[in-house]
């Protein structure tokens, strides 16, 4: 029975009044967070106004050539063929100096 009395006495003790209540520091923190969020929203709205309406290349204005000659350009792939023709051959033919009995072995 004595343990039951001790439990009842402990339950009757009340907590101080300021526990569980927000103080002025909490109010200040909430006000500062609201100010920061409003500044961020204003900044983001300004940045969004600078963006184009769409990033699709279809919306871009096509370039119109000035002369009919610019309409007919080089055939597709001609640049690649020209660069390949300028490259050295991967397998070169045998030189006369490398043949057996050629000038390099007769000396």
Protein backbone atom coordinates (compact mmCIF):
# COMPACT_ATOMS: atom_id res chain seq x y z
CA UNK A 1 0.00 0.00 0.00
CA UNK A 2 2.87 2.38 0.65
CA UNK A 3 4.07 2.06 -2.97
CA UNK A 4 0.61 2.98 -4.21
CA UNK A 5 0.62 6.10 -2.04
CA UNK A 6 4.06 7.12 -3.40
CA UNK A 7 2.81 6.71 -6.97
CA UNK A 8 -0.26 8.84 -6.32
CA UNK A 9 1.86 11.58 -4.71
CA UNK A 10 4.26 11.58 -7.66
CA UNK A 11 1.34 11.87 -10.10
CA UNK A 12 -0.11 14.83 -8.23
CA UNK A 13 3.05 16.90 -8.69
CA UNK A 14 2.51 19.38 -11.50
CA UNK A 15 5.04 20.57 -14.03
CA UNK A 16 6.08 24.24 -14.12
CA UNK A 17 3.89 26.55 -16.20
CA UNK A 18 6.48 27.36 -18.92
CA UNK A 19 7.04 23.74 -20.02
CA UNK A 20 5.20 22.92 -23.22
CA UNK A 21 4.53 26.52 -24.18
CA UNK A 22 6.27 28.43 -26.95
CA UNK A 23 8.33 31.37 -25.86
CA UNK A 24 9.29 34.57 -27.63
CA UNK A 25 12.32 32.83 -29.13
CA UNK A 26 10.03 30.40 -30.97
CA UNK A 27 7.96 33.26 -32.34
CA UNK A 28 11.10 35.04 -33.52
CA UNK A 29 12.31 31.87 -35.25
CA UNK A 30 8.99 31.41 -37.07
CA UNK A 31 8.94 35.05 -38.22
CA UNK A 32 12.54 34.79 -39.52
CA UNK A 33 11.71 31.60 -41.42
CA UNK A 34 8.65 33.22 -43.01
CA UNK A 35 10.73 36.22 -44.11
CA UNK A 36 13.40 33.92 -45.59
CA UNK A 37 10.79 31.90 -47.50
CA UNK A 38 9.15 35.03 -48.91
CA UNK A 39 12.54 36.36 -50.11
CA UNK A 40 13.32 33.03 -51.77
CA UNK A 41 9.95 32.96 -53.53
CA UNK A 42 10.47 36.51 -54.81
CA UNK A 43 13.96 35.63 -56.08
CA UNK A 44 12.76 32.46 -57.78
CA UNK A 45 9.92 34.34 -59.51
CA UNK A 46 12.46 36.81 -60.90
CA UNK A 47 14.66 34.01 -62.23
CA UNK A 48 11.70 32.19 -63.78
CA UNK A 49 10.72 35.33 -65.70
CA UNK A 50 14.13 35.28 -67.43
CA UNK A 51 13.69 31.73 -68.77
CA UNK A 52 12.33 31.10 -72.26
CA UNK A 53 8.81 29.71 -72.56
CA UNK A 54 10.07 26.44 -74.01
CA UNK A 55 13.40 24.71 -74.51
CA UNK A 56 12.16 22.70 -77.50
CA UNK A 57 14.26 23.19 -80.65
CA UNK A 58 11.02 23.16 -82.69
CA UNK A 59 10.14 26.55 -81.23
CA UNK A 60 13.36 28.11 -82.50
CA UNK A 61 13.16 30.31 -85.59
CA UNK A 62 14.61 28.43 -88.59
CA UNK A 63 17.43 30.08 -90.51
CA UNK A 64 16.42 31.07 -94.02
CA UNK A 65 19.29 31.19 -96.54
CA UNK A 66 19.84 34.38 -98.50
CA UNK A 67 20.63 32.83 -101.88
CA UNK A 68 19.40 29.74 -103.70
CA UNK A 69 22.95 28.40 -103.72
CA UNK A 70 22.82 28.15 -99.96
CA UNK A 71 19.68 26.02 -100.22
CA UNK A 72 21.60 23.31 -102.06
CA UNK A 73 24.54 22.50 -99.85
CA UNK A 74 27.10 19.76 -100.19
CA UNK A 75 25.77 16.23 -100.30
CA UNK A 76 25.57 14.53 -96.93
CA UNK A 77 28.77 12.74 -96.04
CA UNK A 78 31.05 14.61 -98.44
CA UNK A 79 32.99 16.15 -95.56
CA UNK A 80 33.61 12.70 -94.10
CA UNK A 81 34.71 11.29 -97.46
CA UNK A 82 37.09 14.20 -98.04
CA UNK A 83 38.67 13.78 -94.62
CA UNK A 84 39.07 10.04 -95.20
CA UNK A 85 40.71 10.64 -98.58
CA UNK A 86 43.26 12.95 -96.95
CA UNK A 87 44.20 10.40 -94.27
CA UNK A 88 47.25 8.18 -94.85
CA UNK A 89 46.54 4.63 -95.88
CA UNK A 90 46.36 2.10 -93.08
CA UNK A 91 48.09 -0.59 -95.18
CA UNK A 92 50.72 0.73 -97.52
CA UNK A 93 52.02 -1.25 -100.47
CA UNK A 94 55.47 -2.76 -100.25
CA UNK A 95 58.32 -0.52 -101.18
CA UNK A 96 60.96 -1.55 -103.67
CA UNK A 97 63.61 -1.38 -100.93
CA UNK A 98 61.84 -4.07 -98.89
CA UNK A 99 61.64 -6.69 -101.66
CA UNK A 100 64.01 -9.60 -101.51
CA UNK A 101 66.83 -9.00 -103.90
CA UNK A 102 66.10 -5.25 -103.92
CA UNK A 103 68.63 -2.49 -103.41
CA UNK A 104 68.66 -2.87 -99.60
CA UNK A 105 69.82 -6.53 -99.67
CA UNK A 106 72.26 -6.27 -102.55
CA UNK A 107 74.67 -3.92 -100.88
